[in-house]
Amino acid sequence: MTRVWKWNRPVTVREVLEDLQQERSIAYTTVMTVMDNLHQKGWVRREAEGRAYRYEAVSTRAAYAAALMNDAWSQSDNPAAALVAFFGMMSEEQRKALRDAARIVGIPESPEPEAPPRTRPTTEPTDPVKSAERAEPTEPPNTRPDTQAENPTDNPTENPGSAPEAPGR
């Protein structure tokens, strides 16, 4: 497919063979078999030209790459996390291409995040011990795994005398 995409025009098995033979030795029948397999899988269409065929890509390389990315993303159990990881792998050049592509399809650029509001400096020195002494006591969060409701009567595990209702009653 790389050779077919590279030329971006209908090609013959002979043209692909000659191009590949510049890098390695390969048989005509091997290239012919691969091109036929690509045709059977729907990757290329072919048109007879004399005793040979001319093969042309059904889709562009960019469309193929987009379909691969979409397929991988749609199979993720956490698409947002997959995108964050993907963006984290991108080079600066790739990020620029992403911004350009977003502009082309009409996705507005997100504004720069606003800076958090500044707090007024206090006149007294900050002492962590004194600050902790002045702070109001707070209750620790409920971390018991067996409690699932605020009200113990709502939770059958908290009120052993009541049995849970059967569904549909």
N, C-alpha and C. Protein backbone atom coordinates (compact mmCIF):
# COMPACT_ATOMS: atom_id res chain seq x y z
N MET A 1 0.83 -1.19 0.00
CA MET A 1 0.00 0.00 0.00
C MET A 1 0.87 1.26 0.00
N THR A 2 2.01 1.19 0.67
CA THR A 2 2.87 2.37 0.72
C THR A 2 3.25 2.83 -0.68
N ARG A 3 3.56 1.89 -1.56
CA ARG A 3 3.94 2.25 -2.94
C ARG A 3 2.75 2.82 -3.70
N VAL A 4 1.59 2.24 -3.52
CA VAL A 4 0.40 2.72 -4.22
C VAL A 4 0.06 4.13 -3.74
N TRP A 5 0.12 4.34 -2.43
CA TRP A 5 -0.16 5.67 -1.88
C TRP A 5 0.89 6.69 -2.33
N LYS A 6 2.13 6.23 -2.41
CA LYS A 6 3.23 7.13 -2.79
C LYS A 6 3.00 7.73 -4.18
N TRP A 7 2.58 6.92 -5.12
CA TRP A 7 2.38 7.42 -6.48
C TRP A 7 1.06 8.16 -6.64
N ASN A 8 0.07 7.83 -5.85
CA ASN A 8 -1.22 8.49 -5.90
C ASN A 8 -1.83 8.47 -7.31
N ARG A 9 -1.66 7.33 -7.96
CA ARG A 9 -2.23 7.11 -9.29
C ARG A 9 -2.31 5.61 -9.51
N PRO A 10 -3.08 5.16 -10.48
CA PRO A 10 -3.12 3.72 -10.75
C PRO A 10 -1.75 3.19 -11.17
N VAL A 11 -1.34 2.05 -10.60
CA VAL A 11 -0.02 1.46 -10.87
C VAL A 11 -0.17 0.00 -11.28
N THR A 12 0.83 -0.48 -12.00
CA THR A 12 0.85 -1.89 -12.40
C THR A 12 1.73 -2.67 -11.43
N VAL A 13 1.57 -3.98 -11.46
CA VAL A 13 2.43 -4.85 -10.65
C VAL A 13 3.88 -4.63 -11.05
N ARG A 14 4.14 -4.48 -12.34
CA ARG A 14 5.51 -4.28 -12.82
C ARG A 14 6.13 -3.01 -12.22
N GLU A 15 5.37 -1.91 -12.15
CA GLU A 15 5.89 -0.66 -11.57
C GLU A 15 6.22 -0.84 -10.08
N VAL A 16 5.35 -1.50 -9.37
CA VAL A 16 5.59 -1.73 -7.94
C VAL A 16 6.82 -2.64 -7.78
N LEU A 17 6.91 -3.68 -8.60
CA LEU A 17 8.04 -4.61 -8.56
C LEU A 17 9.36 -3.87 -8.78
N GLU A 18 9.43 -3.05 -9.82
CA GLU A 18 10.66 -2.34 -10.14
C GLU A 18 11.06 -1.37 -9.02
N ASP A 19 10.07 -0.76 -8.40
CA ASP A 19 10.36 0.15 -7.29
C ASP A 19 10.89 -0.64 -6.08
N LEU A 20 10.26 -1.75 -5.78
CA LEU A 20 10.70 -2.56 -4.64
C LEU A 20 12.09 -3.18 -4.88
N GLN A 21 12.38 -3.53 -6.13
CA GLN A 21 13.66 -4.17 -6.44
C GLN A 21 14.84 -3.22 -6.27
N GLN A 22 14.60 -1.93 -6.14
CA GLN A 22 15.68 -0.99 -5.86
C GLN A 22 16.20 -1.18 -4.43
N GLU A 23 15.37 -1.76 -3.57
CA GLU A 23 15.75 -1.98 -2.17
C GLU A 23 16.08 -3.43 -1.86
N ARG A 24 15.41 -4.36 -2.53
CA ARG A 24 15.60 -5.79 -2.23
C ARG A 24 15.16 -6.65 -3.40
N SER A 25 15.58 -7.87 -3.36
CA SER A 25 15.18 -8.82 -4.40
C SER A 25 13.81 -9.39 -4.05
N ILE A 26 12.90 -9.32 -5.02
CA ILE A 26 11.54 -9.82 -4.79
C ILE A 26 10.98 -10.33 -6.11
N ALA A 27 10.18 -11.36 -6.06
CA ALA A 27 9.63 -12.00 -7.27
C ALA A 27 8.38 -11.28 -7.75
N TYR A 28 8.19 -11.27 -9.05
CA TYR A 28 7.00 -10.68 -9.67
C TYR A 28 5.74 -11.31 -9.10
N THR A 29 5.75 -12.64 -8.97
CA THR A 29 4.55 -13.35 -8.49
C THR A 29 4.20 -12.96 -7.05
N THR A 30 5.21 -12.62 -6.25
CA THR A 30 4.95 -12.20 -4.87
C THR A 30 4.20 -10.87 -4.87
N VAL A 31 4.68 -9.92 -5.67
CA VAL A 31 4.02 -8.62 -5.75
C VAL A 31 2.62 -8.78 -6.32
N MET A 32 2.48 -9.62 -7.35
CA MET A 32 1.17 -9.84 -7.97
C MET A 32 0.19 -10.44 -6.94
N THR A 33 0.66 -11.37 -6.12
CA THR A 33 -0.19 -11.99 -5.10
C THR A 33 -0.62 -10.97 -4.05
N VAL A 34 0.31 -10.14 -3.62
CA VAL A 34 -0.02 -9.12 -2.62
C VAL A 34 -1.02 -8.12 -3.18
N MET A 35 -0.82 -7.68 -4.41
CA MET A 35 -1.75 -6.73 -5.03
C MET A 35 -3.14 -7.36 -5.18
N ASP A 36 -3.20 -8.64 -5.55
CA ASP A 36 -4.48 -9.34 -5.66
C ASP A 36 -5.15 -9.45 -4.29
N ASN A 37 -4.37 -9.75 -3.25
CA ASN A 37 -4.92 -9.83 -1.90
C ASN A 37 -5.49 -8.47 -1.46
N LEU A 38 -4.75 -7.40 -1.77
CA LEU A 38 -5.23 -6.05 -1.43
C LEU A 38 -6.55 -5.75 -2.16
N HIS A 39 -6.66 -6.21 -3.40
CA HIS A 39 -7.89 -6.03 -4.16
C HIS A 39 -9.04 -6.81 -3.52
N GLN A 40 -8.79 -8.06 -3.17
CA GLN A 40 -9.83 -8.88 -2.56
C GLN A 40 -10.30 -8.33 -1.22
N LYS A 41 -9.40 -7.67 -0.49
CA LYS A 41 -9.75 -7.09 0.81
C LYS A 41 -10.40 -5.71 0.67
N GLY A 42 -10.45 -5.19 -0.55
CA GLY A 42 -11.10 -3.91 -0.77
C GLY A 42 -10.21 -2.70 -0.55
N TRP A 43 -8.92 -2.89 -0.47
CA TRP A 43 -7.99 -1.78 -0.26
C TRP A 43 -7.67 -1.06 -1.57
N VAL A 44 -7.68 -1.81 -2.68
CA VAL A 44 -7.41 -1.22 -3.99
C VAL A 44 -8.49 -1.67 -4.96
N ARG A 45 -8.73 -0.84 -5.96
CA ARG A 45 -9.60 -1.26 -7.06
C ARG A 45 -8.68 -1.48 -8.25
N ARG A 46 -9.10 -2.28 -9.18
CA ARG A 46 -8.25 -2.53 -10.34
C ARG A 46 -9.05 -2.45 -11.62
N GLU A 47 -8.32 -2.09 -12.66
CA GLU A 47 -8.92 -1.98 -13.98
C GLU A 47 -7.98 -2.66 -14.97
N ALA A 48 -8.55 -3.49 -15.81
CA ALA A 48 -7.73 -4.21 -16.78
C ALA A 48 -7.14 -3.24 -17.80
N GLU A 49 -5.87 -3.50 -18.12
CA GLU A 49 -5.17 -2.73 -19.15
C GLU A 49 -4.36 -3.74 -19.95
N GLY A 50 -4.91 -4.18 -21.07
CA GLY A 50 -4.27 -5.25 -21.84
C GLY A 50 -4.32 -6.54 -21.03
N ARG A 51 -3.14 -7.17 -20.86
CA ARG A 51 -3.08 -8.42 -20.08
C ARG A 51 -2.80 -8.16 -18.60
N ALA A 52 -2.63 -6.90 -18.23
CA ALA A 52 -2.30 -6.56 -16.84
C ALA A 52 -3.43 -5.75 -16.21
N TYR A 53 -3.29 -5.49 -14.94
CA TYR A 53 -4.22 -4.63 -14.21
C TYR A 53 -3.49 -3.38 -13.73
N ARG A 54 -4.25 -2.30 -13.62
CA ARG A 54 -3.75 -1.10 -12.94
C ARG A 54 -4.51 -1.04 -11.62
N TYR A 55 -3.77 -0.90 -10.53
CA TYR A 55 -4.34 -0.87 -9.18
C TYR A 55 -4.31 0.56 -8.65
N GLU A 56 -5.40 0.93 -7.98
CA GLU A 56 -5.50 2.27 -7.42
C GLU A 56 -6.06 2.16 -6.00
N ALA A 57 -5.51 2.94 -5.07
CA ALA A 57 -5.97 2.91 -3.69
C ALA A 57 -7.42 3.36 -3.60
N VAL A 58 -8.19 2.68 -2.77
CA VAL A 58 -9.58 3.04 -2.54
C VAL A 58 -9.66 4.26 -1.62
N SER A 59 -8.71 4.36 -0.71
CA SER A 59 -8.71 5.44 0.28
C SER A 59 -7.30 6.00 0.40
N THR A 60 -7.20 7.21 0.92
CA THR A 60 -5.89 7.81 1.11
C THR A 60 -5.21 7.25 2.35
N ARG A 61 -3.92 7.45 2.42
CA ARG A 61 -3.18 7.03 3.61
C ARG A 61 -3.67 7.79 4.84
N ALA A 62 -3.99 9.06 4.68
CA ALA A 62 -4.49 9.87 5.80
C ALA A 62 -5.82 9.32 6.31
N ALA A 63 -6.72 8.95 5.39
CA ALA A 63 -8.01 8.39 5.80
C ALA A 63 -7.81 7.06 6.52
N TYR A 64 -6.86 6.26 6.05
CA TYR A 64 -6.56 4.98 6.70
C TYR A 64 -6.04 5.22 8.12
N ALA A 65 -5.11 6.17 8.28
CA ALA A 65 -4.56 6.47 9.60
C ALA A 65 -5.67 6.98 10.53
N ALA A 66 -6.55 7.83 10.01
CA ALA A 66 -7.65 8.35 10.82
C ALA A 66 -8.58 7.22 11.26
N ALA A 67 -8.86 6.29 10.36
CA ALA A 67 -9.72 5.16 10.72
C ALA A 67 -9.07 4.29 11.81
N LEU A 68 -7.76 4.08 11.70
CA LEU A 68 -7.05 3.32 12.74
C LEU A 68 -7.15 4.03 14.09
N MET A 69 -6.91 5.34 14.10
CA MET A 69 -6.97 6.10 15.35
C MET A 69 -8.38 6.07 15.94
N ASN A 70 -9.37 6.25 15.09
CA ASN A 70 -10.75 6.23 15.55
C ASN A 70 -11.12 4.87 16.12
N ASP A 71 -10.69 3.82 15.45
CA ASP A 71 -10.99 2.46 15.92
C ASP A 71 -10.34 2.21 17.28
N ALA A 72 -9.08 2.58 17.41
CA ALA A 72 -8.38 2.38 18.68
C ALA A 72 -9.03 3.20 19.79
N TRP A 73 -9.38 4.44 19.49
CA TRP A 73 -9.98 5.32 20.49
C TRP A 73 -11.35 4.81 20.92
N SER A 74 -12.15 4.36 19.95
CA SER A 74 -13.51 3.91 20.28
C SER A 74 -13.50 2.61 21.09
N GLN A 75 -12.42 1.86 21.07
CA GLN A 75 -12.33 0.63 21.84
C GLN A 75 -11.80 0.85 23.25
N SER A 76 -11.40 2.07 23.57
CA SER A 76 -10.86 2.38 24.88
C SER A 76 -11.97 2.41 25.91
N ASP A 77 -11.69 1.91 27.11
CA ASP A 77 -12.68 1.98 28.17
C ASP A 77 -12.71 3.37 28.81
N ASN A 78 -11.70 4.19 28.52
CA ASN A 78 -11.65 5.56 29.03
C ASN A 78 -11.10 6.45 27.91
N PRO A 79 -11.97 6.88 26.99
CA PRO A 79 -11.50 7.67 25.84
C PRO A 79 -10.74 8.93 26.22
N ALA A 80 -11.16 9.62 27.27
CA ALA A 80 -10.47 10.85 27.66
C ALA A 80 -9.03 10.54 28.09
N ALA A 81 -8.86 9.49 28.86
CA ALA A 81 -7.51 9.12 29.31
C ALA A 81 -6.66 8.68 28.12
N ALA A 82 -7.27 8.01 27.16
CA ALA A 82 -6.54 7.59 25.96
C ALA A 82 -6.05 8.81 25.19
N LEU A 83 -6.91 9.83 25.07
CA LEU A 83 -6.51 11.05 24.37
C LEU A 83 -5.39 11.77 25.12
N VAL A 84 -5.51 11.85 26.44
CA VAL A 84 -4.47 12.51 27.23
C VAL A 84 -3.13 11.80 27.02
N ALA A 85 -3.14 10.46 27.06
CA ALA A 85 -1.91 9.70 26.85
C ALA A 85 -1.38 9.91 25.44
N PHE A 86 -2.27 9.92 24.46
CA PHE A 86 -1.87 10.12 23.07
C PHE A 86 -1.24 11.50 22.88
N PHE A 87 -1.90 12.54 23.41
CA PHE A 87 -1.37 13.89 23.27
C PHE A 87 -0.03 14.01 23.98
N GLY A 88 0.13 13.29 25.08
CA GLY A 88 1.40 13.32 25.81
C GLY A 88 2.54 12.71 25.03
N MET A 89 2.24 11.84 24.09
CA MET A 89 3.26 11.19 23.26
C MET A 89 3.66 12.04 22.05
N MET A 90 2.87 13.07 21.76
CA MET A 90 3.08 13.84 20.54
C MET A 90 4.28 14.77 20.66
N SER A 91 4.97 14.91 19.54
CA SER A 91 6.06 15.88 19.46
C SER A 91 5.46 17.27 19.27
N GLU A 92 6.26 18.30 19.42
CA GLU A 92 5.78 19.66 19.22
C GLU A 92 5.28 19.84 17.78
N GLU A 93 5.96 19.22 16.84
CA GLU A 93 5.54 19.30 15.44
C GLU A 93 4.16 18.65 15.25
N GLN A 94 3.93 17.53 15.90
CA GLN A 94 2.63 16.86 15.81
C GLN A 94 1.54 17.70 16.47
N ARG A 95 1.87 18.34 17.60
CA ARG A 95 0.88 19.21 18.26
C ARG A 95 0.51 20.39 17.35
N LYS A 96 1.50 20.92 16.64
CA LYS A 96 1.23 22.02 15.71
C LYS A 96 0.30 21.52 14.60
N ALA A 97 0.57 20.33 14.08
CA ALA A 97 -0.30 19.76 13.04
C ALA A 97 -1.71 19.54 13.58
N LEU A 98 -1.82 19.13 14.84
CA LEU A 98 -3.13 18.96 15.46
C LEU A 98 -3.88 20.29 15.55
N ARG A 99 -3.19 21.34 15.98
CA ARG A 99 -3.82 22.66 16.05
C ARG A 99 -4.26 23.13 14.67
N ASP A 100 -3.41 22.90 13.66
CA ASP A 100 -3.77 23.29 12.29
C ASP A 100 -5.00 22.52 11.82
N ALA A 101 -5.03 21.22 12.10
CA ALA A 101 -6.17 20.39 11.69
C ALA A 101 -7.44 20.83 12.40
N ALA A 102 -7.35 21.14 13.68
CA ALA A 102 -8.52 21.61 14.43
C ALA A 102 -9.05 22.91 13.85
N ARG A 103 -8.14 23.79 13.44
CA ARG A 103 -8.54 25.05 12.82
C ARG A 103 -9.26 24.78 11.48
N ILE A 104 -8.74 23.84 10.71
CA ILE A 104 -9.32 23.53 9.40
C ILE A 104 -10.75 23.01 9.54
N VAL A 105 -11.00 22.16 10.52
CA VAL A 105 -12.34 21.60 10.68
C VAL A 105 -13.25 22.49 11.52
N GLY A 106 -12.72 23.62 11.98
CA GLY A 106 -13.57 24.59 12.66
C GLY A 106 -13.69 24.43 14.15
N ILE A 107 -12.76 23.73 14.78
CA ILE A 107 -12.77 23.62 16.23
C ILE A 107 -12.04 24.84 16.77
N PRO A 108 -12.73 25.66 17.56
CA PRO A 108 -12.08 26.87 18.06
C PRO A 108 -10.95 26.53 19.04
N GLU A 109 -9.91 27.34 19.00
CA GLU A 109 -8.81 27.13 19.94
C GLU A 109 -9.29 27.47 21.32
N SER A 110 -8.88 26.68 22.29
CA SER A 110 -9.28 26.97 23.66
C SER A 110 -8.45 28.13 24.17
N PRO A 111 -9.08 29.01 24.92
CA PRO A 111 -8.32 30.15 25.45
C PRO A 111 -7.33 29.67 26.49
N GLU A 112 -6.34 30.50 26.71
CA GLU A 112 -5.36 30.18 27.75
C GLU A 112 -6.09 30.12 29.08
N PRO A 113 -5.74 29.15 29.95
CA PRO A 113 -6.43 29.07 31.23
C PRO A 113 -6.15 30.33 32.06
N GLU A 114 -7.19 30.78 32.75
CA GLU A 114 -7.04 31.96 33.58
C GLU A 114 -6.21 31.63 34.80
N ALA A 115 -5.45 32.62 35.24
CA ALA A 115 -4.65 32.44 36.46
C ALA A 115 -5.60 32.44 37.65
N PRO A 116 -5.30 31.63 38.67
CA PRO A 116 -6.17 31.63 39.84
C PRO A 116 -6.14 33.01 40.50
N PRO A 117 -7.24 33.39 41.16
CA PRO A 117 -7.26 34.72 41.79
C PRO A 117 -6.18 34.82 42.85
N ARG A 118 -5.59 35.99 42.92
CA ARG A 118 -4.54 36.21 43.91
C ARG A 118 -5.18 36.47 45.27
N THR A 119 -4.54 35.95 46.30
CA THR A 119 -5.02 36.21 47.65
C THR A 119 -4.23 37.37 48.23
N ARG A 120 -4.89 38.10 49.09
CA ARG A 120 -4.23 39.23 49.73
C ARG A 120 -3.22 38.72 50.75
N PRO A 121 -2.01 39.23 50.72
CA PRO A 121 -1.04 38.76 51.71
C PRO A 121 -1.46 39.18 53.11
N THR A 122 -1.21 38.30 54.07
CA THR A 122 -1.55 38.62 55.46
C THR A 122 -0.43 39.42 56.07
N THR A 123 -0.78 40.19 57.11
CA THR A 123 0.23 41.02 57.75
C THR A 123 0.98 40.26 58.83
N GLU A 124 0.38 39.16 59.30
CA GLU A 124 1.09 38.40 60.33
C GLU A 124 1.85 37.25 59.69
N PRO A 125 2.96 36.86 60.27
CA PRO A 125 3.74 35.76 59.69
C PRO A 125 2.95 34.46 59.76
N THR A 126 3.20 33.61 58.77
CA THR A 126 2.50 32.34 58.72
C THR A 126 3.24 31.32 59.56
N ASP A 127 2.55 30.81 60.56
CA ASP A 127 3.11 29.76 61.43
C ASP A 127 2.18 28.57 61.31
N PRO A 128 2.64 27.44 60.71
CA PRO A 128 1.75 26.30 60.50
C PRO A 128 1.13 25.78 61.78
N VAL A 129 1.83 25.84 62.89
CA VAL A 129 1.29 25.33 64.15
C VAL A 129 0.15 26.21 64.62
N LYS A 130 0.35 27.55 64.60
CA LYS A 130 -0.70 28.47 65.03
C LYS A 130 -1.89 28.40 64.09
N SER A 131 -1.63 28.27 62.80
CA SER A 131 -2.72 28.17 61.83
C SER A 131 -3.57 26.94 62.12
N ALA A 132 -2.93 25.83 62.44
CA ALA A 132 -3.65 24.59 62.73
C ALA A 132 -4.45 24.74 64.01
N GLU A 133 -3.93 25.48 65.00
CA GLU A 133 -4.65 25.67 66.26
C GLU A 133 -5.89 26.52 66.05
N ARG A 134 -5.82 27.50 65.14
CA ARG A 134 -6.96 28.39 64.89
C ARG A 134 -8.02 27.74 64.00
N ALA A 135 -7.64 26.75 63.23
CA ALA A 135 -8.58 26.16 62.27
C ALA A 135 -9.70 25.44 63.00
N GLU A 136 -10.89 25.48 62.40
CA GLU A 136 -12.03 24.77 62.98
C GLU A 136 -11.83 23.28 62.79
N PRO A 137 -12.22 22.50 63.78
CA PRO A 137 -12.07 21.05 63.63
C PRO A 137 -13.04 20.54 62.56
N THR A 138 -12.58 19.60 61.80
CA THR A 138 -13.43 19.00 60.78
C THR A 138 -13.50 17.51 61.06
N GLU A 139 -14.64 16.93 60.69
CA GLU A 139 -14.79 15.49 60.89
C GLU A 139 -14.10 14.77 59.73
N PRO A 140 -13.42 13.68 60.05
CA PRO A 140 -12.80 12.93 58.95
C PRO A 140 -13.88 12.31 58.09
N PRO A 141 -13.60 12.13 56.81
CA PRO A 141 -14.60 11.53 55.92
C PRO A 141 -14.85 10.08 56.34
N ASN A 142 -16.05 9.61 56.07
CA ASN A 142 -16.41 8.24 56.39
C ASN A 142 -15.66 7.32 55.43
N THR A 143 -14.73 6.56 55.93
CA THR A 143 -13.92 5.70 55.08
C THR A 143 -14.22 4.23 55.29
N ARG A 144 -15.26 3.93 56.06
CA ARG A 144 -15.59 2.52 56.27
C ARG A 144 -16.22 1.97 55.00
N PRO A 145 -15.70 0.88 54.47
CA PRO A 145 -16.23 0.36 53.20
C PRO A 145 -17.62 -0.24 53.32
N ASP A 146 -18.07 -0.62 54.53
CA ASP A 146 -19.36 -1.28 54.64
C ASP A 146 -20.51 -0.30 54.76
N THR A 147 -20.24 1.01 54.86
CA THR A 147 -21.32 1.98 54.94
C THR A 147 -21.56 2.55 53.57
N GLN A 148 -22.81 2.47 53.15
CA GLN A 148 -23.13 2.95 51.81
C GLN A 148 -24.17 4.05 51.83
N ALA A 149 -24.74 4.36 53.00
CA ALA A 149 -25.77 5.39 53.07
C ALA A 149 -25.56 6.22 54.32
N GLU A 150 -26.07 7.43 54.29
CA GLU A 150 -25.97 8.33 55.43
C GLU A 150 -26.83 7.81 56.58
N ASN A 151 -28.03 7.39 56.29
CA ASN A 151 -28.99 6.96 57.29
C ASN A 151 -28.84 5.46 57.51
N PRO A 152 -28.56 5.01 58.75
CA PRO A 152 -28.36 3.57 58.97
C PRO A 152 -29.58 2.75 58.61
N THR A 153 -30.78 3.31 58.63
CA THR A 153 -31.96 2.52 58.28
C THR A 153 -32.04 2.30 56.78
N ASP A 154 -31.31 3.12 56.01
CA ASP A 154 -31.30 2.94 54.56
C ASP A 154 -30.35 1.84 54.13
N ASN A 155 -29.50 1.41 55.02
CA ASN A 155 -28.46 0.44 54.67
C ASN A 155 -28.68 -0.84 55.46
N PRO A 156 -29.08 -1.92 54.82
CA PRO A 156 -29.37 -3.16 55.53
C PRO A 156 -28.18 -3.70 56.32
N THR A 157 -26.96 -3.42 55.91
CA THR A 157 -25.82 -3.95 56.66
C THR A 157 -25.64 -3.24 57.97
N GLU A 158 -26.18 -2.01 58.10
CA GLU A 158 -26.06 -1.26 59.33
C GLU A 158 -27.19 -1.60 60.30
N ASN A 159 -28.30 -2.12 59.80
CA ASN A 159 -29.45 -2.43 60.63
C ASN A 159 -29.77 -3.90 60.46
N PRO A 160 -29.12 -4.78 61.24
CA PRO A 160 -29.28 -6.21 61.01
C PRO A 160 -30.68 -6.70 61.25
N GLY A 161 -31.54 -5.95 61.94
CA GLY A 161 -32.90 -6.43 62.22
C GLY A 161 -33.82 -6.31 61.03
N SER A 162 -33.45 -5.56 60.03
CA SER A 162 -34.35 -5.41 58.88
C SER A 162 -33.79 -6.16 57.68
N ALA A 163 -34.62 -6.83 56.99
CA ALA A 163 -34.21 -7.58 55.79
C ALA A 163 -34.49 -6.71 54.59
N PRO A 164 -33.64 -6.80 53.57
CA PRO A 164 -33.90 -6.00 52.37
C PRO A 164 -35.16 -6.49 51.66
N GLU A 165 -35.87 -5.53 51.03
CA GLU A 165 -37.07 -5.91 50.29
C GLU A 165 -36.70 -6.63 49.02
N ALA A 166 -37.54 -7.57 48.62
CA ALA A 166 -37.32 -8.27 47.36
C ALA A 166 -37.70 -7.34 46.23
N PRO A 167 -37.04 -7.45 45.09
CA PRO A 167 -37.37 -6.60 43.95
C PRO A 167 -38.83 -6.79 43.53
N GLY A 168 -39.48 -5.69 43.15
CA GLY A 168 -40.84 -5.76 42.65
C GLY A 168 -41.87 -5.68 43.76
N ARG A 169 -41.50 -5.58 45.00
CA ARG A 169 -42.47 -5.50 46.09
C ARG A 169 -42.74 -4.09 46.48
